[in-house]
């Protein structure tokens, strides 16, 4: 079974072949273009001068969109990533050619080369995915049945099509677990497994040279960025509070201001058309304001395009939205799916109430209920909330609150401007991926699940 995180050598090899194919795509484009347009030396010189930048941009987009991993069998996901990568690659290449005044690179070559880049990379990466599918093995989850039901669909992408993801209850005696996991290539250990059994399973997996994956609890997640220190002859782990240091805060604010101004300028036509469409449909207000919790739990009014009927909660009170919610207008349905309704939050960013990237802001009513389910929930408010976030690009619209919380806390603990840029780029994939962009039905659970999924926000 392939590793979910391929080793550096394998990823380097995939990127190396990608770069060769990008070069071959340009050579093929020059060859075909020469049949219709004379290619002179200055055209080739322009390409040679731009080649290092082209390859550098190639590495950047391949890494950002994880086209160097290819562990899941999902050709549609590959297609979406390559379409976005090719589009960005094309635009940035044109920008670089103007920046360095290399105007001799024929536009016909640019169009043809990026078409070939898409075709070549799709064929090559499709072969890698198919090969991985042939070499995949069997997997088992050790945990409680609810966790099994939640993640078995995701793990199914890592096993052979004819194989099932098996389940072992965490209350099963260790000796029986030991016998049963011998038949599997990968073992997933859930957070419900006791520390004793978890340690024994991990030891056995290492001994048998099997890949083991652990679903962490929030407390285990905190230890990942801890500092090792000593107190006399005792080793300790120093766990620091959640925060982003002052230097990063200044850089993040500059990033927020610059990005929000650029995005406001680029999306202004879309915002104007949206405002007109909302007004034409029912004559109601264009914008929707709602109080949310910001940094340090300080409330602020979030701004969105209105996607529901006026006074949608008048009779129901605070209620989470559903995918077929009859409170959503026709225009609202479209702008929610495309995330256009979130664009006015760029004004919140300019005002300093939000960041471009950060945990999604929650309403006080739901935050209090989530806090009762998980004492760590409000630690998300150690930083400014964001328009998009790590939980939004890594999870789905219906990912449960506890899982999104882990992504948010991981983001705060591992913050960097590079991570912000990656999240911002991957948000594009979320917008064009219907499965990630749409919500599902809010199901009535057995316990506190009545307040599921922080992403199913009430507009």
Protein backbone atom coordinates (compact mmCIF):
# COMPACT_ATOMS: atom_id res chain seq x y z
CA UNK A 1 0.00 0.00 0.00
CA UNK A 2 1.42 3.45 -0.91
CA UNK A 3 2.16 5.84 1.93
CA UNK A 4 -0.31 8.73 2.34
CA UNK A 5 2.79 10.91 2.72
CA UNK A 6 5.22 9.65 0.05
CA UNK A 7 8.89 10.01 0.94
CA UNK A 8 10.87 12.96 -0.36
CA UNK A 9 12.74 10.94 -2.98
CA UNK A 10 9.49 9.71 -4.54
CA UNK A 11 7.95 13.17 -4.54
CA UNK A 12 11.15 14.65 -5.97
CA UNK A 13 11.10 12.02 -8.74
CA UNK A 14 7.49 12.86 -9.64
CA UNK A 15 8.25 16.61 -9.75
CA UNK A 16 11.39 15.94 -11.84
CA UNK A 17 9.37 14.03 -14.45
CA UNK A 18 6.74 16.83 -14.36
CA UNK A 19 9.39 19.42 -15.20
CA UNK A 20 10.71 17.30 -18.06
CA UNK A 21 7.17 17.04 -19.46
CA UNK A 22 6.71 20.82 -19.15
CA UNK A 23 9.90 21.30 -21.19
CA UNK A 24 8.76 18.70 -23.75
CA UNK A 25 5.40 20.48 -24.00
CA UNK A 26 7.15 23.70 -25.03
CA UNK A 27 9.35 21.85 -27.53
CA UNK A 28 6.25 20.24 -29.06
CA UNK A 29 4.50 23.62 -29.16
CA UNK A 30 7.45 25.20 -30.99
CA UNK A 31 7.51 22.30 -33.44
CA UNK A 32 3.82 22.58 -34.30
CA UNK A 33 3.82 26.39 -34.34
CA UNK A 34 6.72 26.39 -36.80
CA UNK A 35 4.45 24.76 -39.37
CA UNK A 36 2.26 27.86 -39.42
CA UNK A 37 4.49 30.71 -38.19
CA UNK A 38 8.21 31.25 -38.86
CA UNK A 39 10.24 30.62 -35.68
CA UNK A 40 13.38 32.75 -35.52
CA UNK A 41 16.30 32.76 -33.10
CA UNK A 42 14.95 35.56 -30.92
CA UNK A 43 11.81 33.46 -30.24
CA UNK A 44 13.96 30.61 -28.96
CA UNK A 45 16.16 33.02 -26.96
CA UNK A 46 13.08 34.39 -25.18
CA UNK A 47 12.04 30.88 -24.23
CA UNK A 48 15.53 30.01 -22.94
CA UNK A 49 15.60 33.19 -20.83
CA UNK A 50 12.19 32.44 -19.33
CA UNK A 51 12.74 28.70 -18.87
CA UNK A 52 14.16 28.90 -15.29
CA UNK A 53 11.15 30.96 -14.19
CA UNK A 54 8.74 28.64 -16.00
CA UNK A 55 10.20 25.61 -14.24
CA UNK A 56 10.22 27.43 -10.88
CA UNK A 57 6.53 28.29 -11.28
CA UNK A 58 5.91 24.68 -12.29
CA UNK A 59 7.39 23.40 -9.03
CA UNK A 60 5.41 26.00 -7.05
CA UNK A 61 2.00 25.03 -8.45
CA UNK A 62 2.73 21.29 -8.39
CA UNK A 63 3.60 21.46 -4.67
CA UNK A 64 0.78 23.86 -3.71
CA UNK A 65 -1.90 21.69 -5.31
CA UNK A 66 -0.24 18.44 -4.13
CA UNK A 67 0.23 17.06 -7.61
CA UNK A 68 3.36 15.34 -6.31
CA UNK A 69 1.44 13.03 -3.92
CA UNK A 70 -1.07 11.09 -6.07
CA UNK A 71 -2.04 8.54 -3.43
CA UNK A 72 -5.82 8.65 -3.90
CA UNK A 73 -7.69 7.10 -6.79
CA UNK A 74 -9.70 10.11 -7.96
CA UNK A 75 -9.33 11.14 -11.60
CA UNK A 76 -11.89 13.94 -11.24
CA UNK A 77 -9.85 15.48 -8.46
CA UNK A 78 -6.74 15.19 -10.63
CA UNK A 79 -8.60 16.90 -13.50
CA UNK A 80 -9.73 19.81 -11.29
CA UNK A 81 -6.23 20.34 -9.92
CA UNK A 82 -4.63 20.24 -13.37
CA UNK A 83 -7.19 22.67 -14.83
CA UNK A 84 -6.49 25.18 -12.05
CA UNK A 85 -2.73 24.58 -12.25
CA UNK A 86 -2.65 25.02 -16.04
CA UNK A 87 -4.74 28.20 -15.85
CA UNK A 88 -2.53 29.80 -13.19
CA UNK A 89 0.59 28.59 -14.95
CA UNK A 90 -0.55 30.19 -18.22
CA UNK A 91 -1.43 33.56 -16.64
CA UNK A 92 1.78 33.75 -14.57
CA UNK A 93 3.93 32.82 -17.58
CA UNK A 94 2.41 35.67 -19.61
CA UNK A 95 2.96 38.04 -16.67
CA UNK A 96 6.60 36.97 -16.36
CA UNK A 97 7.19 37.41 -20.09
CA UNK A 98 5.93 41.01 -19.82
CA UNK A 99 7.86 41.66 -16.61
CA UNK A 100 11.17 40.58 -18.19
CA UNK A 101 10.20 42.14 -21.53
CA UNK A 102 10.55 38.85 -23.37
CA UNK A 103 7.93 39.76 -25.96
CA UNK A 104 9.38 37.44 -28.60
CA UNK A 105 7.89 34.31 -27.09
CA UNK A 106 5.06 33.59 -29.58
CA UNK A 107 1.56 33.61 -28.12
CA UNK A 108 0.72 30.56 -30.26
CA UNK A 109 3.51 28.68 -28.47
CA UNK A 110 2.17 29.78 -25.09
CA UNK A 111 -1.36 28.52 -25.85
CA UNK A 112 -0.17 25.23 -27.37
CA UNK A 113 2.42 24.53 -24.69
CA UNK A 114 -0.05 24.89 -21.83
CA UNK A 115 -2.53 22.69 -23.63
CA UNK A 116 0.21 20.06 -23.96
CA UNK A 117 1.24 20.58 -20.33
CA UNK A 118 -2.29 19.64 -19.25
CA UNK A 119 -2.43 16.61 -21.58
CA UNK A 120 1.06 15.30 -20.73
CA UNK A 121 0.69 15.75 -16.98
CA UNK A 122 -2.78 14.21 -17.01
CA UNK A 123 -1.53 11.14 -18.87
CA UNK A 124 1.58 10.76 -16.71
CA UNK A 125 -0.14 11.30 -13.37
CA UNK A 126 -3.05 9.13 -14.45
CA UNK A 127 -0.60 6.28 -15.02
CA UNK A 128 0.93 6.84 -11.55
CA UNK A 129 -2.52 6.76 -9.95
CA UNK A 130 -3.45 3.59 -11.85
CA UNK A 131 -0.19 1.94 -10.79
CA UNK A 132 -0.79 2.93 -7.17
CA UNK A 133 -4.23 1.38 -7.39
CA UNK A 134 -2.70 -1.94 -8.47
CA UNK A 135 -0.20 -1.90 -5.60
CA UNK A 136 -2.63 -0.96 -2.84
CA UNK A 137 -3.40 -3.41 -0.08
CA UNK A 138 -5.86 -3.91 2.75
CA UNK A 139 -6.64 -1.54 5.61
CA UNK A 140 -8.34 -1.85 8.99
CA UNK A 141 -9.65 0.70 11.49
CA UNK A 142 -9.40 0.05 15.23
CA UNK A 143 -11.84 2.22 17.14
CA UNK A 144 -15.52 2.80 17.81
CA UNK A 145 -18.16 2.20 15.15
CA UNK A 146 -19.11 5.88 14.76
CA UNK A 147 -15.53 6.81 13.85
CA UNK A 148 -15.40 3.89 11.42
CA UNK A 149 -18.54 5.13 9.66
CA UNK A 150 -17.09 8.64 9.47
CA UNK A 151 -13.73 7.89 7.85
CA UNK A 152 -14.11 4.56 6.06
CA UNK A 153 -15.12 6.36 2.84
CA UNK A 154 -11.90 8.39 2.85
CA UNK A 155 -9.74 5.35 3.62
CA UNK A 156 -11.49 3.41 0.84
CA UNK A 157 -9.62 5.62 -1.63
CA UNK A 158 -6.36 4.08 -0.37
CA UNK A 159 -7.23 0.41 -0.85
CA UNK A 160 -7.88 -1.75 -3.88
CA UNK A 161 -11.31 -1.34 -5.45
CA UNK A 162 -12.30 -4.91 -4.61
CA UNK A 163 -11.20 -4.58 -0.99
CA UNK A 164 -13.25 -3.34 1.94
CA UNK A 165 -11.98 -1.24 4.82
CA UNK A 166 -12.38 -3.57 7.79
CA UNK A 167 -13.22 -2.70 11.37
CA UNK A 168 -12.04 -3.92 14.78
CA UNK A 169 -13.87 -2.65 17.86
CA UNK A 170 -11.56 -0.89 20.32
CA UNK A 171 -12.91 -3.07 23.15
CA UNK A 172 -11.64 -6.23 21.47
CA UNK A 173 -8.98 -8.05 23.59
CA UNK A 174 -5.45 -7.18 22.49
CA UNK A 175 -4.49 -10.80 21.72
CA UNK A 176 -7.34 -10.99 19.19
CA UNK A 177 -6.38 -7.59 17.70
CA UNK A 178 -2.81 -8.86 17.38
CA UNK A 179 -3.95 -11.88 15.36
CA UNK A 180 -6.31 -9.97 13.12
CA UNK A 181 -4.08 -7.04 12.06
CA UNK A 182 -1.47 -9.41 10.68
CA UNK A 183 -3.57 -9.61 7.49
CA UNK A 184 -3.55 -5.87 6.80
CA UNK A 185 -1.07 -3.55 5.14
CA UNK A 186 -2.19 -0.38 6.95
CA UNK A 187 -3.67 0.08 10.40
CA UNK A 188 -5.71 3.13 11.45
CA UNK A 189 -6.00 3.70 15.20
CA UNK A 190 -8.79 6.02 16.33
CA UNK A 191 -8.76 8.44 19.25
CA UNK A 192 -11.17 6.21 21.21
CA UNK A 193 -8.55 3.48 21.65
CA UNK A 194 -6.99 3.37 25.13
CA UNK A 195 -3.38 4.49 25.51
CA UNK A 196 -2.30 0.97 26.49
CA UNK A 197 -3.85 -0.70 23.42
CA UNK A 198 -2.71 2.15 21.18
CA UNK A 199 0.91 1.72 22.28
CA UNK A 200 0.76 -2.05 21.79
CA UNK A 201 -0.79 -1.73 18.33
CA UNK A 202 1.78 0.85 17.24
CA UNK A 203 4.62 -1.32 18.55
CA UNK A 204 3.26 -4.31 16.68
CA UNK A 205 2.86 -2.28 13.49
CA UNK A 206 6.46 -1.07 13.68
CA UNK A 207 7.68 -4.60 14.40
CA UNK A 208 5.77 -6.01 11.42
CA UNK A 209 6.88 -3.12 9.17
CA UNK A 210 3.29 -1.96 8.62
CA UNK A 211 2.16 1.63 8.11
CA UNK A 212 0.19 2.91 11.11
CA UNK A 213 -1.96 6.03 11.24
CA UNK A 214 -3.35 7.58 14.43
CA UNK A 215 -6.38 9.86 14.60
CA UNK A 216 -5.18 12.36 17.22
CA UNK A 217 -7.11 13.89 20.08
CA UNK A 218 -6.77 17.66 20.54
CA UNK A 219 -4.38 17.17 23.49
CA UNK A 220 -2.16 14.91 21.34
CA UNK A 221 -2.26 17.56 18.62
CA UNK A 222 -0.96 20.16 21.07
CA UNK A 223 2.12 18.04 21.79
CA UNK A 224 3.21 18.08 18.12
CA UNK A 225 4.81 21.55 18.42
CA UNK A 226 5.98 21.15 22.00
CA UNK A 227 9.54 21.88 23.09
CA UNK A 228 11.66 19.23 24.76
CA UNK A 229 13.35 20.44 27.91
CA UNK A 230 14.74 18.94 31.12
CA UNK A 231 14.23 19.50 34.81
CA UNK A 232 17.32 18.06 36.45
CA UNK A 233 17.30 14.45 35.13
CA UNK A 234 13.62 14.50 34.05
CA UNK A 235 12.63 15.06 30.42
CA UNK A 236 9.63 17.37 29.94
CA UNK A 237 7.50 18.59 27.06
CA UNK A 238 6.77 22.31 27.21
CA UNK A 239 3.36 23.04 25.68
CA UNK A 240 2.91 26.71 24.79
CA UNK A 241 -0.41 28.58 24.51
CA UNK A 242 -1.98 29.22 21.10
CA UNK A 243 -0.84 32.48 19.54
CA UNK A 244 0.91 33.99 16.51
CA UNK A 245 3.99 36.00 17.44
CA UNK A 246 4.31 39.75 16.83
CA UNK A 247 6.51 39.57 13.74
CA UNK A 248 4.13 37.20 12.00
CA UNK A 249 1.15 39.35 13.01
CA UNK A 250 2.63 42.40 11.26
CA UNK A 251 3.43 40.35 8.14
CA UNK A 252 -0.03 38.77 8.21
CA UNK A 253 -1.73 42.19 8.45
CA UNK A 254 0.26 43.46 5.46
CA UNK A 255 -0.67 40.29 3.57
CA UNK A 256 -4.35 40.76 4.50
CA UNK A 257 -4.47 44.40 3.42
CA UNK A 258 -2.67 43.78 0.13
CA UNK A 259 -4.67 40.68 -0.77
CA UNK A 260 -8.06 42.18 0.18
CA UNK A 261 -7.47 45.33 -1.91
CA UNK A 262 -6.45 43.25 -4.93
CA UNK A 263 -9.38 40.85 -4.54
CA UNK A 264 -11.86 43.72 -4.10
CA UNK A 265 -10.62 45.27 -7.34
CA UNK A 266 -10.76 41.97 -9.23
CA UNK A 267 -14.18 40.90 -7.92
CA UNK A 268 -15.91 44.29 -8.07
CA UNK A 269 -17.82 43.45 -11.31
CA UNK A 270 -19.01 40.15 -9.80
CA UNK A 271 -20.09 41.90 -6.61
CA UNK A 272 -22.04 44.55 -8.54
CA UNK A 273 -23.86 41.89 -10.60
CA UNK A 274 -24.63 39.92 -7.44
CA UNK A 275 -26.06 42.99 -5.71
CA UNK A 276 -28.31 43.73 -8.71
CA UNK A 277 -29.49 40.09 -8.92
CA UNK A 278 -30.39 39.99 -5.19
CA UNK A 279 -32.32 43.25 -5.47
CA UNK A 280 -34.21 42.14 -8.59
CA UNK A 281 -35.24 38.77 -7.12
CA UNK A 282 -37.19 39.95 -4.08
CA UNK A 283 -36.44 43.64 -3.58
CA UNK A 284 -34.92 42.97 -0.15
CA UNK A 285 -31.65 44.09 1.35
CA UNK A 286 -28.47 43.25 -0.52
CA UNK A 287 -26.23 42.62 2.45
CA UNK A 288 -26.64 40.46 5.52
CA UNK A 289 -25.05 41.33 8.85
CA UNK A 290 -24.70 38.93 11.73
CA UNK A 291 -22.79 39.02 15.00
CA UNK A 292 -19.89 36.57 15.16
CA UNK A 293 -17.05 35.93 17.60
CA UNK A 294 -13.72 37.41 16.56
CA UNK A 295 -10.25 37.36 18.07
CA UNK A 296 -10.28 36.83 21.85
CA UNK A 297 -14.03 36.14 21.61
CA UNK A 298 -14.73 39.80 20.82
CA UNK A 299 -17.99 40.10 18.82
CA UNK A 300 -18.15 41.83 15.44
CA UNK A 301 -20.68 42.05 12.60
CA UNK A 302 -19.78 39.83 9.68
CA UNK A 303 -20.86 41.10 6.24
CA UNK A 304 -22.20 38.83 3.49
CA UNK A 305 -24.44 38.98 0.46
CA UNK A 306 -27.92 37.94 1.58
CA UNK A 307 -28.65 34.40 0.38
CA UNK A 308 -31.80 33.72 2.42
CA UNK A 309 -35.21 35.29 2.66
CA UNK A 310 -35.50 38.36 4.86
CA UNK A 311 -35.81 37.50 8.58
CA UNK A 312 -35.18 33.82 7.84
CA UNK A 313 -34.87 32.94 11.54
CA UNK A 314 -37.87 34.89 12.76
CA UNK A 315 -39.92 31.76 13.49
CA UNK A 316 -37.19 29.18 14.01
CA UNK A 317 -34.51 31.02 15.99
CA UNK A 318 -30.81 30.19 15.37
CA UNK A 319 -30.84 27.24 12.97
CA UNK A 320 -28.08 25.60 10.94
CA UNK A 321 -28.56 25.64 7.17
CA UNK A 322 -29.29 22.54 5.08
CA UNK A 323 -28.51 21.79 1.44
CA UNK A 324 -32.20 21.95 0.45
CA UNK A 325 -33.18 24.70 2.90
CA UNK A 326 -36.36 26.41 1.65
CA UNK A 327 -35.20 29.68 3.24
CA UNK A 328 -32.48 30.00 0.57
CA UNK A 329 -33.39 32.15 -2.45
CA UNK A 330 -32.60 31.18 -6.04
CA UNK A 331 -29.82 33.74 -6.28
CA UNK A 332 -28.72 32.74 -2.80
CA UNK A 333 -28.40 29.09 -3.79
CA UNK A 334 -25.98 30.02 -6.57
CA UNK A 335 -23.85 32.46 -4.59
CA UNK A 336 -23.59 30.02 -1.66
CA UNK A 337 -22.37 27.19 -3.91
CA UNK A 338 -19.81 29.47 -5.57
CA UNK A 339 -18.92 31.21 -2.26
CA UNK A 340 -19.66 34.61 -3.84
CA UNK A 341 -21.74 35.43 -0.75
CA UNK A 342 -18.48 35.57 1.26
CA UNK A 343 -16.88 38.35 -0.84
CA UNK A 344 -18.17 41.31 1.25
CA UNK A 345 -16.09 39.95 4.12
CA UNK A 346 -13.12 41.55 2.36
CA UNK A 347 -14.45 44.76 3.96
CA UNK A 348 -14.24 43.05 7.38
CA UNK A 349 -10.61 42.27 6.54
CA UNK A 350 -9.86 45.90 5.65
CA UNK A 351 -11.41 46.97 8.97
CA UNK A 352 -9.13 44.55 10.83
CA UNK A 353 -11.96 42.38 12.17
CA UNK A 354 -11.00 39.36 10.05
CA UNK A 355 -8.05 37.92 8.13
CA UNK A 356 -8.03 36.43 4.67
CA UNK A 357 -7.07 33.08 6.20
CA UNK A 358 -8.06 31.82 9.64
CA UNK A 359 -10.66 29.75 11.50
CA UNK A 360 -14.19 30.53 10.32
CA UNK A 361 -16.02 32.87 12.76
CA UNK A 362 -18.87 31.29 14.69
CA UNK A 363 -22.05 32.67 16.24
CA UNK A 364 -22.14 32.94 20.04
CA UNK A 365 -25.13 30.57 20.26
CA UNK A 366 -23.39 27.75 18.41
CA UNK A 367 -19.96 28.50 19.93
CA UNK A 368 -21.40 27.97 23.41
CA UNK A 369 -22.88 24.62 22.39
CA UNK A 370 -19.69 23.53 20.64
CA UNK A 371 -17.72 24.58 23.74
CA UNK A 372 -19.82 22.25 25.87
CA UNK A 373 -18.95 19.41 23.49
CA UNK A 374 -15.24 20.22 23.37
CA UNK A 375 -13.48 22.46 25.89
CA UNK A 376 -10.88 23.45 23.27
CA UNK A 377 -13.36 25.03 20.86
CA UNK A 378 -12.93 28.68 21.85
CA UNK A 379 -9.14 28.45 21.58
CA UNK A 380 -9.79 29.00 17.86
CA UNK A 381 -10.39 32.63 18.84
CA UNK A 382 -6.71 33.09 19.74
CA UNK A 383 -6.34 34.56 16.24
CA UNK A 384 -8.55 36.58 13.90
CA UNK A 385 -11.18 34.56 12.03
CA UNK A 386 -10.76 34.17 8.29
CA UNK A 387 -12.76 34.19 5.06
CA UNK A 388 -11.21 30.83 4.26
CA UNK A 389 -9.26 28.46 6.46
CA UNK A 390 -7.30 25.25 6.77
CA UNK A 391 -10.40 23.36 7.87
CA UNK A 392 -12.29 24.56 4.77
CA UNK A 393 -9.66 23.40 2.26
CA UNK A 394 -8.76 20.15 4.00
CA UNK A 395 -12.24 19.10 5.10
CA UNK A 396 -15.62 19.00 3.41
CA UNK A 397 -18.64 21.22 3.95
CA UNK A 398 -20.16 18.55 6.19
CA UNK A 399 -17.01 17.70 8.17
CA UNK A 400 -17.93 17.56 11.86
CA UNK A 401 -17.01 20.24 14.36
CA UNK A 402 -14.38 18.21 16.25
CA UNK A 403 -12.51 17.36 13.06
CA UNK A 404 -12.60 20.97 11.83
CA UNK A 405 -11.39 22.09 15.24
CA UNK A 406 -8.26 19.94 14.85
CA UNK A 407 -7.50 21.54 11.48
CA UNK A 408 -7.99 25.04 12.94
CA UNK A 409 -5.73 24.39 15.93
CA UNK A 410 -3.11 22.83 13.66
CA UNK A 411 -3.21 25.99 11.53
CA UNK A 412 -2.65 28.27 14.53
CA UNK A 413 0.15 26.06 15.85
CA UNK A 414 1.95 25.89 12.49
CA UNK A 415 1.21 29.36 11.12
CA UNK A 416 3.32 30.83 8.31
CA UNK A 417 2.71 33.16 5.37
CA UNK A 418 3.51 30.23 3.08
CA UNK A 419 0.68 28.25 4.67
CA UNK A 420 -1.67 31.22 4.14
CA UNK A 421 -0.73 31.34 0.46
CA UNK A 422 -1.25 27.59 0.04
CA UNK A 423 -4.68 27.74 1.72
CA UNK A 424 -5.70 30.71 -0.43
CA UNK A 425 -4.70 28.87 -3.62
CA UNK A 426 -6.42 25.64 -2.60
CA UNK A 427 -9.62 27.54 -1.83
CA UNK A 428 -10.10 27.72 -5.60
CA UNK A 429 -10.31 23.92 -5.70
CA UNK A 430 -12.93 24.00 -2.95
CA UNK A 431 -15.07 26.45 -4.93
CA UNK A 432 -15.04 24.34 -8.10
CA UNK A 433 -15.48 21.03 -6.23
CA UNK A 434 -19.21 20.53 -5.70
CA UNK A 435 -18.65 17.85 -3.05
CA UNK A 436 -16.65 20.27 -0.90
CA UNK A 437 -18.70 23.38 -1.58
CA UNK A 438 -22.17 22.04 -0.79
CA UNK A 439 -23.68 21.16 2.55
CA UNK A 440 -25.58 18.05 3.41
CA UNK A 441 -28.63 17.37 5.50
CA UNK A 442 -28.36 18.14 9.16
CA UNK A 443 -29.05 14.81 10.75
CA UNK A 444 -30.45 14.35 14.22
CA UNK A 445 -27.77 12.47 16.20
CA UNK A 446 -27.79 10.37 19.29
CA UNK A 447 -26.12 12.93 21.52
CA UNK A 448 -24.78 16.43 21.10
CA UNK A 449 -24.56 16.17 17.34
CA UNK A 450 -27.50 18.53 16.97
CA UNK A 451 -24.90 21.21 16.53
CA UNK A 452 -22.70 19.58 13.92
CA UNK A 453 -20.20 21.02 11.51
CA UNK A 454 -19.04 24.56 12.12
CA UNK A 455 -19.03 25.09 8.38
CA UNK A 456 -22.81 24.72 7.99
CA UNK A 457 -23.19 28.36 8.84
CA UNK A 458 -26.47 30.21 9.01
CA UNK A 459 -26.37 32.99 6.49
